[in-house]
């Protein structure tokens, strides 16, 4: 099982998401195509109701501690309650890494 599949499975099991996308953005960074170092996580879950953004992020980082220790360098987290997800117009785009291609 690759890192993206591991992350997906863990998030599905822990958060029973209304919406979940895991996007490998490693190609946008110096790690290059085929790497599994940078991921964008878009997750909408009831678990986030009443939680501030920092608390939501902490939950994800705690859950994915092993993946972060094993080579996942960065997570772009976009975490929403069902209501926030329903009212969302679009998820912010991720920028290219400043060192990409250098």
PDB file of N, CA and C in Angstrom:
ATOM      1  N   UNK A   1       0.857  -1.179   0.000  1.00  0.00           N
ATOM      2  CA  UNK A   1       0.000   0.000   0.000  1.00  0.00           C
ATOM      3  C   UNK A   1       0.901   1.240   0.000  1.00  0.00           C
ATOM      4  N   UNK A   2       0.658   2.159  -0.925  1.00  0.00           N
ATOM      5  CA  UNK A   2       1.477   3.363  -0.972  1.00  0.00           C
ATOM      6  C   UNK A   2       1.007   4.384   0.082  1.00  0.00           C
ATOM      7  N   UNK A   3       1.765   5.460   0.227  1.00  0.00           N
ATOM      8  CA  UNK A   3       1.476   6.454   1.269  1.00  0.00           C
ATOM      9  C   UNK A   3       0.120   7.118   1.064  1.00  0.00           C
ATOM     10  N   UNK A   4      -0.227   7.414  -0.175  1.00  0.00           N
ATOM     11  CA  UNK A   4      -1.522   8.045  -0.443  1.00  0.00           C
ATOM     12  C   UNK A   4      -2.663   7.121  -0.025  1.00  0.00           C
ATOM     13  N   UNK A   5      -2.538   5.846  -0.315  1.00  0.00           N
ATOM     14  CA  UNK A   5      -3.567   4.880   0.092  1.00  0.00           C
ATOM     15  C   UNK A   5      -3.636   4.757   1.612  1.00  0.00           C
ATOM     16  N   UNK A   6      -2.488   4.773   2.288  1.00  0.00           N
ATOM     17  CA  UNK A   6      -2.457   4.715   3.744  1.00  0.00           C
ATOM     18  C   UNK A   6      -3.182   5.909   4.351  1.00  0.00           C
ATOM     19  N   UNK A   7      -2.867   7.087   3.839  1.00  0.00           N
ATOM     20  CA  UNK A   7      -3.496   8.320   4.345  1.00  0.00           C
ATOM     21  C   UNK A   7      -4.998   8.272   4.127  1.00  0.00           C
ATOM     22  N   UNK A   8      -5.415   7.860   2.933  1.00  0.00           N
ATOM     23  CA  UNK A   8      -6.842   7.764   2.621  1.00  0.00           C
ATOM     24  C   UNK A   8      -7.545   6.819   3.576  1.00  0.00           C
ATOM     25  N   UNK A   9      -6.992   5.647   3.783  1.00  0.00           N
ATOM     26  CA  UNK A   9      -7.598   4.649   4.662  1.00  0.00           C
ATOM     27  C   UNK A   9      -7.721   5.162   6.094  1.00  0.00           C
ATOM     28  N   UNK A  10      -6.657   5.744   6.615  1.00  0.00           N
ATOM     29  CA  UNK A  10      -6.687   6.261   7.980  1.00  0.00           C
ATOM     30  C   UNK A  10      -7.731   7.354   8.152  1.00  0.00           C
ATOM     31  N   UNK A  11      -7.794   8.280   7.211  1.00  0.00           N
ATOM     32  CA  UNK A  11      -8.762   9.375   7.310  1.00  0.00           C
ATOM     33  C   UNK A  11     -10.195   8.873   7.170  1.00  0.00           C
ATOM     34  N   UNK A  12     -10.419   7.915   6.284  1.00  0.00           N
ATOM     35  CA  UNK A  12     -11.764   7.347   6.136  1.00  0.00           C
ATOM     36  C   UNK A  12     -12.207   6.662   7.427  1.00  0.00           C
ATOM     37  N   UNK A  13     -11.317   5.881   8.018  1.00  0.00           N
ATOM     38  CA  UNK A  13     -11.654   5.151   9.235  1.00  0.00           C
ATOM     39  C   UNK A  13     -11.902   6.076  10.412  1.00  0.00           C
ATOM     40  N   UNK A  14     -11.101   7.113  10.527  1.00  0.00           N
ATOM     41  CA  UNK A  14     -11.176   7.994  11.697  1.00  0.00           C
ATOM     42  C   UNK A  14     -12.278   9.047  11.593  1.00  0.00           C
ATOM     43  N   UNK A  15     -12.555   9.543  10.392  1.00  0.00           N
ATOM     44  CA  UNK A  15     -13.434  10.706  10.258  1.00  0.00           C
ATOM     45  C   UNK A  15     -14.759  10.439   9.554  1.00  0.00           C
ATOM     46  N   UNK A  16     -14.988   9.273   9.009  1.00  0.00           N
ATOM     47  CA  UNK A  16     -16.222   8.991   8.259  1.00  0.00           C
ATOM     48  C   UNK A  16     -16.608  10.213   7.420  1.00  0.00           C
ATOM     49  N   UNK A  17     -15.764  10.580   6.474  1.00  0.00           N
ATOM     50  CA  UNK A  17     -15.938  11.859   5.784  1.00  0.00           C
ATOM     51  C   UNK A  17     -17.164  11.940   4.880  1.00  0.00           C
ATOM     52  N   UNK A  18     -17.727  13.128   4.861  1.00  0.00           N
ATOM     53  CA  UNK A  18     -18.753  13.481   3.885  1.00  0.00           C
ATOM     54  C   UNK A  18     -18.068  13.650   2.525  1.00  0.00           C
ATOM     55  N   UNK A  19     -16.852  14.185   2.568  1.00  0.00           N
ATOM     56  CA  UNK A  19     -16.046  14.372   1.359  1.00  0.00           C
ATOM     57  C   UNK A  19     -14.583  14.166   1.733  1.00  0.00           C
ATOM     58  N   UNK A  20     -13.841  13.465   0.865  1.00  0.00           N
ATOM     59  CA  UNK A  20     -12.410  13.259   1.084  1.00  0.00           C
ATOM     60  C   UNK A  20     -11.685  13.199  -0.253  1.00  0.00           C
ATOM     61  N   UNK A  21     -10.669  14.033  -0.380  1.00  0.00           N
ATOM     62  CA  UNK A  21      -9.765  13.989  -1.531  1.00  0.00           C
ATOM     63  C   UNK A  21      -8.346  14.052  -1.000  1.00  0.00           C
ATOM     64  N   UNK A  22      -7.505  13.183  -1.505  1.00  0.00           N
ATOM     65  CA  UNK A  22      -6.083  13.209  -1.204  1.00  0.00           C
ATOM     66  C   UNK A  22      -5.378  13.390  -2.547  1.00  0.00           C
ATOM     67  N   UNK A  23      -4.684  14.495  -2.703  1.00  0.00           N
ATOM     68  CA  UNK A  23      -4.041  14.810  -3.973  1.00  0.00           C
ATOM     69  C   UNK A  23      -2.530  14.834  -3.761  1.00  0.00           C
ATOM     70  N   UNK A  24      -1.825  14.019  -4.523  1.00  0.00           N
ATOM     71  CA  UNK A  24      -0.371  13.995  -4.462  1.00  0.00           C
ATOM     72  C   UNK A  24       0.156  15.194  -5.245  1.00  0.00           C
ATOM     73  N   UNK A  25       0.749  16.137  -4.526  1.00  0.00           N
ATOM     74  CA  UNK A  25       1.286  17.348  -5.151  1.00  0.00           C
ATOM     75  C   UNK A  25       2.817  17.353  -5.191  1.00  0.00           C
ATOM     76  N   UNK A  26       3.411  16.193  -5.034  1.00  0.00           N
ATOM     77  CA  UNK A  26       4.872  16.091  -5.004  1.00  0.00           C
ATOM     78  C   UNK A  26       5.513  16.623  -6.283  1.00  0.00           C
ATOM     79  N   UNK A  27       4.825  16.447  -7.411  1.00  0.00           N
ATOM     80  CA  UNK A  27       5.356  16.924  -8.693  1.00  0.00           C
ATOM     81  C   UNK A  27       5.533  18.436  -8.738  1.00  0.00           C
ATOM     82  N   UNK A  28       4.868  19.151  -7.826  1.00  0.00           N
ATOM     83  CA  UNK A  28       4.951  20.609  -7.773  1.00  0.00           C
ATOM     84  C   UNK A  28       6.145  21.066  -6.934  1.00  0.00           C
ATOM     85  N   UNK A  29       6.891  20.121  -6.415  1.00  0.00           N
ATOM     86  CA  UNK A  29       7.998  20.414  -5.507  1.00  0.00           C
ATOM     87  C   UNK A  29       9.267  19.752  -6.025  1.00  0.00           C
ATOM     88  N   UNK A  30      10.362  20.025  -5.380  1.00  0.00           N
ATOM     89  CA  UNK A  30      11.644  19.501  -5.855  1.00  0.00           C
ATOM     90  C   UNK A  30      11.761  17.989  -5.722  1.00  0.00           C
ATOM     91  N   UNK A  31      10.846  17.359  -4.980  1.00  0.00           N
ATOM     92  CA  UNK A  31      10.892  15.897  -4.831  1.00  0.00           C
ATOM     93  C   UNK A  31      10.564  15.197  -6.146  1.00  0.00           C
ATOM     94  N   UNK A  32       9.836  15.853  -7.027  1.00  0.00           N
ATOM     95  CA  UNK A  32       9.631  15.359  -8.381  1.00  0.00           C
ATOM     96  C   UNK A  32       8.497  14.374  -8.572  1.00  0.00           C
ATOM     97  N   UNK A  33       8.291  14.049  -9.833  1.00  0.00           N
ATOM     98  CA  UNK A  33       7.218  13.159 -10.254  1.00  0.00           C
ATOM     99  C   UNK A  33       7.436  11.753  -9.686  1.00  0.00           C
ATOM    100  N   UNK A  34       6.371  11.142  -9.216  1.00  0.00           N
ATOM    101  CA  UNK A  34       6.435   9.798  -8.663  1.00  0.00           C
ATOM    102  C   UNK A  34       6.730   9.760  -7.173  1.00  0.00           C
ATOM    103  N   UNK A  35       7.120  10.876  -6.595  1.00  0.00           N
ATOM    104  CA  UNK A  35       7.402  10.930  -5.158  1.00  0.00           C
ATOM    105  C   UNK A  35       6.085  10.958  -4.373  1.00  0.00           C
ATOM    106  N   UNK A  36       6.183  10.649  -3.125  1.00  0.00           N
ATOM    107  CA  UNK A  36       5.025  10.725  -2.228  1.00  0.00           C
ATOM    108  C   UNK A  36       5.427  11.528  -0.997  1.00  0.00           C
ATOM    109  N   UNK A  37       5.686  12.800  -1.220  1.00  0.00           N
ATOM    110  CA  UNK A  37       6.184  13.656  -0.144  1.00  0.00           C
ATOM    111  C   UNK A  37       5.270  14.812   0.209  1.00  0.00           C
ATOM    112  N   UNK A  38       4.446  15.258  -0.721  1.00  0.00           N
ATOM    113  CA  UNK A  38       3.581  16.420  -0.522  1.00  0.00           C
ATOM    114  C   UNK A  38       2.151  16.060  -0.918  1.00  0.00           C
ATOM    115  N   UNK A  39       1.229  16.233   0.019  1.00  0.00           N
ATOM    116  CA  UNK A  39      -0.166  15.899  -0.252  1.00  0.00           C
ATOM    117  C   UNK A  39      -1.090  17.042   0.151  1.00  0.00           C
ATOM    118  N   UNK A  40      -2.144  17.187  -0.615  1.00  0.00           N
ATOM    119  CA  UNK A  40      -3.235  18.109  -0.284  1.00  0.00           C
ATOM    120  C   UNK A  40      -4.388  17.232   0.193  1.00  0.00           C
ATOM    121  N   UNK A  41      -4.904  17.556   1.383  1.00  0.00           N
ATOM    122  CA  UNK A  41      -6.012  16.811   1.972  1.00  0.00           C
ATOM    123  C   UNK A  41      -7.217  17.735   2.043  1.00  0.00           C
ATOM    124  N   UNK A  42      -8.293  17.326   1.396  1.00  0.00           N
ATOM    125  CA  UNK A  42      -9.561  18.056   1.455  1.00  0.00           C
ATOM    126  C   UNK A  42     -10.537  17.117   2.144  1.00  0.00           C
ATOM    127  N   UNK A  43     -11.001  17.524   3.317  1.00  0.00           N
ATOM    128  CA  UNK A  43     -11.797  16.636   4.157  1.00  0.00           C
ATOM    129  C   UNK A  43     -12.941  17.395   4.803  1.00  0.00           C
ATOM    130  N   UNK A  44     -14.144  16.876   4.642  1.00  0.00           N
ATOM    131  CA  UNK A  44     -15.320  17.423   5.320  1.00  0.00           C
ATOM    132  C   UNK A  44     -15.871  16.334   6.229  1.00  0.00           C
ATOM    133  N   UNK A  45     -16.034  16.660   7.509  1.00  0.00           N
ATOM    134  CA  UNK A  45     -16.474  15.668   8.483  1.00  0.00           C
ATOM    135  C   UNK A  45     -17.253  16.327   9.623  1.00  0.00           C
ATOM    136  N   UNK A  46     -18.208  15.583  10.142  1.00  0.00           N
ATOM    137  CA  UNK A  46     -18.957  16.016  11.325  1.00  0.00           C
ATOM    138  C   UNK A  46     -18.028  16.211  12.523  1.00  0.00           C
ATOM    139  N   UNK A  47     -16.914  15.488  12.547  1.00  0.00           N
ATOM    140  CA  UNK A  47     -15.978  15.578  13.674  1.00  0.00           C
ATOM    141  C   UNK A  47     -15.445  16.992  13.875  1.00  0.00           C
ATOM    142  N   UNK A  48     -15.482  17.824  12.841  1.00  0.00           N
ATOM    143  CA  UNK A  48     -14.922  19.161  12.933  1.00  0.00           C
ATOM    144  C   UNK A  48     -15.903  20.207  13.464  1.00  0.00           C
ATOM    145  N   UNK A  49     -17.158  19.826  13.651  1.00  0.00           N
ATOM    146  CA  UNK A  49     -18.157  20.772  14.153  1.00  0.00           C
ATOM    147  C   UNK A  49     -17.731  21.251  15.539  1.00  0.00           C
ATOM    148  N   UNK A  50     -17.694  22.563  15.710  1.00  0.00           N
ATOM    149  CA  UNK A  50     -17.344  23.162  16.995  1.00  0.00           C
ATOM    150  C   UNK A  50     -15.847  23.246  17.261  1.00  0.00           C
ATOM    151  N   UNK A  51     -15.036  22.849  16.298  1.00  0.00           N
ATOM    152  CA  UNK A  51     -13.580  22.877  16.473  1.00  0.00           C
ATOM    153  C   UNK A  51     -12.967  24.021  15.671  1.00  0.00           C
ATOM    154  N   UNK A  52     -11.982  24.651  16.267  1.00  0.00           N
ATOM    155  CA  UNK A  52     -11.211  25.666  15.546  1.00  0.00           C
ATOM    156  C   UNK A  52     -10.246  24.986  14.583  1.00  0.00           C
ATOM    157  N   UNK A  53      -9.749  25.754  13.634  1.00  0.00           N
ATOM    158  CA  UNK A  53      -8.853  25.216  12.610  1.00  0.00           C
ATOM    159  C   UNK A  53      -7.625  24.542  13.210  1.00  0.00           C
ATOM    160  N   UNK A  54      -7.023  25.136  14.220  1.00  0.00           N
ATOM    161  CA  UNK A  54      -5.812  24.565  14.822  1.00  0.00           C
ATOM    162  C   UNK A  54      -6.103  23.194  15.429  1.00  0.00           C
ATOM    163  N   UNK A  55      -7.225  23.040  16.087  1.00  0.00           N
ATOM    164  CA  UNK A  55      -7.598  21.749  16.678  1.00  0.00           C
ATOM    165  C   UNK A  55      -7.831  20.701  15.584  1.00  0.00           C
ATOM    166  N   UNK A  56      -8.423  21.100  14.492  1.00  0.00           N
ATOM    167  CA  UNK A  56      -8.645  20.191  13.361  1.00  0.00           C
ATOM    168  C   UNK A  56      -7.300  19.703  12.816  1.00  0.00           C
ATOM    169  N   UNK A  57      -6.376  20.635  12.631  1.00  0.00           N
ATOM    170  CA  UNK A  57      -5.057  20.291  12.107  1.00  0.00           C
ATOM    171  C   UNK A  57      -4.329  19.351  13.058  1.00  0.00           C
ATOM    172  N   UNK A  58      -4.425  19.614  14.344  1.00  0.00           N
ATOM    173  CA  UNK A  58      -3.763  18.742  15.325  1.00  0.00           C
ATOM    174  C   UNK A  58      -4.270  17.312  15.233  1.00  0.00           C
ATOM    175  N   UNK A  59      -5.568  17.138  15.052  1.00  0.00           N
ATOM    176  CA  UNK A  59      -6.125  15.791  14.913  1.00  0.00           C
ATOM    177  C   UNK A  59      -5.509  15.056  13.728  1.00  0.00           C
ATOM    178  N   UNK A  60      -5.382  15.753  12.624  1.00  0.00           N
ATOM    179  CA  UNK A  60      -4.823  15.136  11.418  1.00  0.00           C
ATOM    180  C   UNK A  60      -3.353  14.792  11.630  1.00  0.00           C
ATOM    181  N   UNK A  61      -2.591  15.731  12.177  1.00  0.00           N
ATOM    182  CA  UNK A  61      -1.167  15.484  12.398  1.00  0.00           C
ATOM    183  C   UNK A  61      -0.935  14.336  13.377  1.00  0.00           C
ATOM    184  N   UNK A  62      -1.765  14.230  14.401  1.00  0.00           N
ATOM    185  CA  UNK A  62      -1.644  13.108  15.335  1.00  0.00           C
ATOM    186  C   UNK A  62      -1.940  11.785  14.635  1.00  0.00           C
ATOM    187  N   UNK A  63      -2.996  11.757  13.851  1.00  0.00           N
ATOM    188  CA  UNK A  63      -3.384  10.540  13.154  1.00  0.00           C
ATOM    189  C   UNK A  63      -2.325  10.096  12.138  1.00  0.00           C
ATOM    190  N   UNK A  64      -1.703  11.061  11.469  1.00  0.00           N
ATOM    191  CA  UNK A  64      -0.760  10.755  10.398  1.00  0.00           C
ATOM    192  C   UNK A  64       0.701  10.875  10.838  1.00  0.00           C
ATOM    193  N   UNK A  65       0.960  10.803  12.132  1.00  0.00           N
ATOM    194  CA  UNK A  65       2.323  10.964  12.662  1.00  0.00           C
ATOM    195  C   UNK A  65       3.297   9.958  12.043  1.00  0.00           C
ATOM    196  N   UNK A  66       2.869   8.721  11.877  1.00  0.00           N
ATOM    197  CA  UNK A  66       3.769   7.714  11.300  1.00  0.00           C
ATOM    198  C   UNK A  66       4.106   8.028   9.850  1.00  0.00           C
ATOM    199  N   UNK A  67       3.140   8.497   9.084  1.00  0.00           N
ATOM    200  CA  UNK A  67       3.385   8.835   7.684  1.00  0.00           C
ATOM    201  C   UNK A  67       4.327  10.046   7.589  1.00  0.00           C
ATOM    202  N   UNK A  68       4.147  11.010   8.478  1.00  0.00           N
ATOM    203  CA  UNK A  68       5.019  12.183   8.477  1.00  0.00           C
ATOM    204  C   UNK A  68       6.443  11.796   8.863  1.00  0.00           C
ATOM    205  N   UNK A  69       6.590  10.845   9.752  1.00  0.00           N
ATOM    206  CA  UNK A  69       7.915  10.387  10.160  1.00  0.00           C
ATOM    207  C   UNK A  69       8.571   9.519   9.083  1.00  0.00           C
ATOM    208  N   UNK A  70       7.762   8.989   8.174  1.00  0.00           N
ATOM    209  CA  UNK A  70       8.271   8.060   7.156  1.00  0.00           C
ATOM    210  C   UNK A  70       8.351   8.666   5.767  1.00  0.00           C
ATOM    211  N   UNK A  71       8.515   9.977   5.676  1.00  0.00           N
ATOM    212  CA  UNK A  71       8.782  10.565   4.372  1.00  0.00           C
ATOM    213  C   UNK A  71       7.757  11.531   3.822  1.00  0.00           C
ATOM    214  N   UNK A  72       6.581  11.620   4.429  1.00  0.00           N
ATOM    215  CA  UNK A  72       5.641  12.656   3.982  1.00  0.00           C
ATOM    216  C   UNK A  72       6.155  13.968   4.548  1.00  0.00           C
ATOM    217  N   UNK A  73       6.525  14.854   3.664  1.00  0.00           N
ATOM    218  CA  UNK A  73       7.170  16.108   4.053  1.00  0.00           C
ATOM    219  C   UNK A  73       6.159  17.209   4.374  1.00  0.00           C
ATOM    220  N   UNK A  74       5.043  17.230   3.652  1.00  0.00           N
ATOM    221  CA  UNK A  74       4.105  18.335   3.821  1.00  0.00           C
ATOM    222  C   UNK A  74       2.673  17.901   3.541  1.00  0.00           C
ATOM    223  N   UNK A  75       1.771  18.473   4.333  1.00  0.00           N
ATOM    224  CA  UNK A  75       0.335  18.286   4.135  1.00  0.00           C
ATOM    225  C   UNK A  75      -0.304  19.657   4.013  1.00  0.00           C
ATOM    226  N   UNK A  76      -1.007  19.890   2.938  1.00  0.00           N
ATOM    227  CA  UNK A  76      -1.830  21.091   2.799  1.00  0.00           C
ATOM    228  C   UNK A  76      -3.226  20.670   3.234  1.00  0.00           C
ATOM    229  N   UNK A  77      -3.650  21.140   4.389  1.00  0.00           N
ATOM    230  CA  UNK A  77      -4.907  20.682   4.969  1.00  0.00           C
ATOM    231  C   UNK A  77      -6.025  21.684   4.737  1.00  0.00           C
ATOM    232  N   UNK A  78      -7.111  21.195   4.174  1.00  0.00           N
ATOM    233  CA  UNK A  78      -8.328  21.977   3.961  1.00  0.00           C
ATOM    234  C   UNK A  78      -9.439  21.166   4.619  1.00  0.00           C
ATOM    235  N   UNK A  79      -9.793  21.566   5.845  1.00  0.00           N
ATOM    236  CA  UNK A  79     -10.668  20.770   6.697  1.00  0.00           C
ATOM    237  C   UNK A  79     -11.950  21.535   6.993  1.00  0.00           C
ATOM    238  N   UNK A  80     -13.094  20.886   6.737  1.00  0.00           N
ATOM    239  CA  UNK A  80     -14.373  21.590   6.800  1.00  0.00           C
ATOM    240  C   UNK A  80     -15.423  20.785   7.560  1.00  0.00           C
ATOM    241  N   UNK A  81     -16.346  21.503   8.162  1.00  0.00           N
ATOM    242  CA  UNK A  81     -17.562  20.873   8.669  1.00  0.00           C
ATOM    243  C   UNK A  81     -18.465  20.627   7.459  1.00  0.00           C
ATOM    244  N   UNK A  82     -19.499  19.797   7.586  1.00  0.00           N
ATOM    245  CA  UNK A  82     -20.422  19.616   6.455  1.00  0.00           C
ATOM    246  C   UNK A  82     -21.039  20.928   5.983  1.00  0.00           C
ATOM    247  N   UNK A  83     -21.392  21.794   6.913  1.00  0.00           N
ATOM    248  CA  UNK A  83     -21.991  23.077   6.534  1.00  0.00           C
ATOM    249  C   UNK A  83     -20.984  23.958   5.791  1.00  0.00           C
ATOM    250  N   UNK A  84     -19.758  24.023   6.281  1.00  0.00           N
ATOM    251  CA  UNK A  84     -18.723  24.801   5.592  1.00  0.00           C
ATOM    252  C   UNK A  84     -18.481  24.243   4.194  1.00  0.00           C
ATOM    253  N   UNK A  85     -18.458  22.921   4.077  1.00  0.00           N
ATOM    254  CA  UNK A  85     -18.233  22.284   2.777  1.00  0.00           C
ATOM    255  C   UNK A  85     -19.366  22.611   1.818  1.00  0.00           C
ATOM    256  N   UNK A  86     -20.584  22.576   2.311  1.00  0.00           N
ATOM    257  CA  UNK A  86     -21.752  22.855   1.472  1.00  0.00           C
ATOM    258  C   UNK A  86     -21.724  24.296   0.956  1.00  0.00           C
ATOM    259  N   UNK A  87     -21.228  25.220   1.764  1.00  0.00           N
ATOM    260  CA  UNK A  87     -21.208  26.637   1.390  1.00  0.00           C
ATOM    261  C   UNK A  87     -19.929  27.065   0.681  1.00  0.00           C
ATOM    262  N   UNK A  88     -18.979  26.139   0.542  1.00  0.00           N
ATOM    263  CA  UNK A  88     -17.695  26.459  -0.060  1.00  0.00           C
ATOM    264  C   UNK A  88     -17.843  26.646  -1.566  1.00  0.00           C
ATOM    265  N   UNK A  89     -17.215  27.687  -2.080  1.00  0.00           N
ATOM    266  CA  UNK A  89     -17.235  27.944  -3.517  1.00  0.00           C
ATOM    267  C   UNK A  89     -16.145  27.152  -4.233  1.00  0.00           C
ATOM    268  N   UNK A  90     -14.924  27.145  -3.655  1.00  0.00           N
ATOM    269  CA  UNK A  90     -13.828  26.377  -4.225  1.00  0.00           C
ATOM    270  C   UNK A  90     -12.726  26.203  -3.189  1.00  0.00           C
ATOM    271  N   UNK A  91     -11.978  25.134  -3.342  1.00  0.00           N
ATOM    272  CA  UNK A  91     -10.834  24.874  -2.478  1.00  0.00           C
ATOM    273  C   UNK A  91      -9.654  25.667  -3.017  1.00  0.00           C
ATOM    274  N   UNK A  92      -8.900  26.340  -2.139  1.00  0.00           N
ATOM    275  CA  UNK A  92      -7.751  27.120  -2.619  1.00  0.00           C
ATOM    276  C   UNK A  92      -6.743  26.254  -3.372  1.00  0.00           C
ATOM    277  N   UNK A  93      -6.202  26.811  -4.429  1.00  0.00           N
ATOM    278  CA  UNK A  93      -5.163  26.122  -5.213  1.00  0.00           C
ATOM    279  C   UNK A  93      -3.853  26.154  -4.448  1.00  0.00           C
ATOM    280  N   UNK A  94      -3.040  25.150  -4.667  1.00  0.00           N
ATOM    281  CA  UNK A  94      -1.723  25.105  -4.031  1.00  0.00           C
ATOM    282  C   UNK A  94      -0.691  25.734  -4.951  1.00  0.00           C
ATOM    283  N   UNK A  95       0.199  26.542  -4.403  1.00  0.00           N
ATOM    284  CA  UNK A  95       1.252  27.150  -5.229  1.00  0.00           C
ATOM    285  C   UNK A  95       2.382  26.149  -5.484  1.00  0.00           C
ATOM    286  N   UNK A  96       3.153  26.384  -6.533  1.00  0.00           N
ATOM    287  CA  UNK A  96       4.368  25.607  -6.754  1.00  0.00           C
ATOM    288  C   UNK A  96       5.382  25.967  -5.676  1.00  0.00           C
ATOM    289  N   UNK A  97       6.234  25.047  -5.369  1.00  0.00           N
ATOM    290  CA  UNK A  97       7.305  25.246  -4.412  1.00  0.00           C
ATOM    291  C   UNK A  97       8.267  26.295  -4.972  1.00  0.00           C
ATOM    292  N   UNK A  98       8.801  27.138  -4.101  1.00  0.00           N
ATOM    293  CA  UNK A  98       9.740  28.179  -4.540  1.00  0.00           C
ATOM    294  C   UNK A  98      11.006  27.561  -5.147  1.00  0.00           C
ATOM    295  N   UNK A  99      11.396  26.373  -4.691  1.00  0.00           N
ATOM    296  CA  UNK A  99      12.609  25.746  -5.195  1.00  0.00           C
ATOM    297  C   UNK A  99      12.355  24.774  -6.345  1.00  0.00           C
ATOM    298  N   UNK A 100      11.121  24.693  -6.797  1.00  0.00           N
ATOM    299  CA  UNK A 100      10.755  23.741  -7.857  1.00  0.00           C
ATOM    300  C   UNK A 100      11.498  24.080  -9.142  1.00  0.00           C
ATOM    301  N   UNK A 101      12.149  23.087  -9.699  1.00  0.00           N
ATOM    302  CA  UNK A 101      12.827  23.264 -10.976  1.00  0.00           C
ATOM    303  C   UNK A 101      14.190  23.928 -10.884  1.00  0.00           C
ATOM    304  N   UNK A 102      14.675  24.146  -9.668  1.00  0.00           N
ATOM    305  CA  UNK A 102      15.969  24.814  -9.532  1.00  0.00           C
ATOM    306  C   UNK A 102      17.028  23.814  -9.134  1.00  0.00           C
TER     307      UNK A 102
END
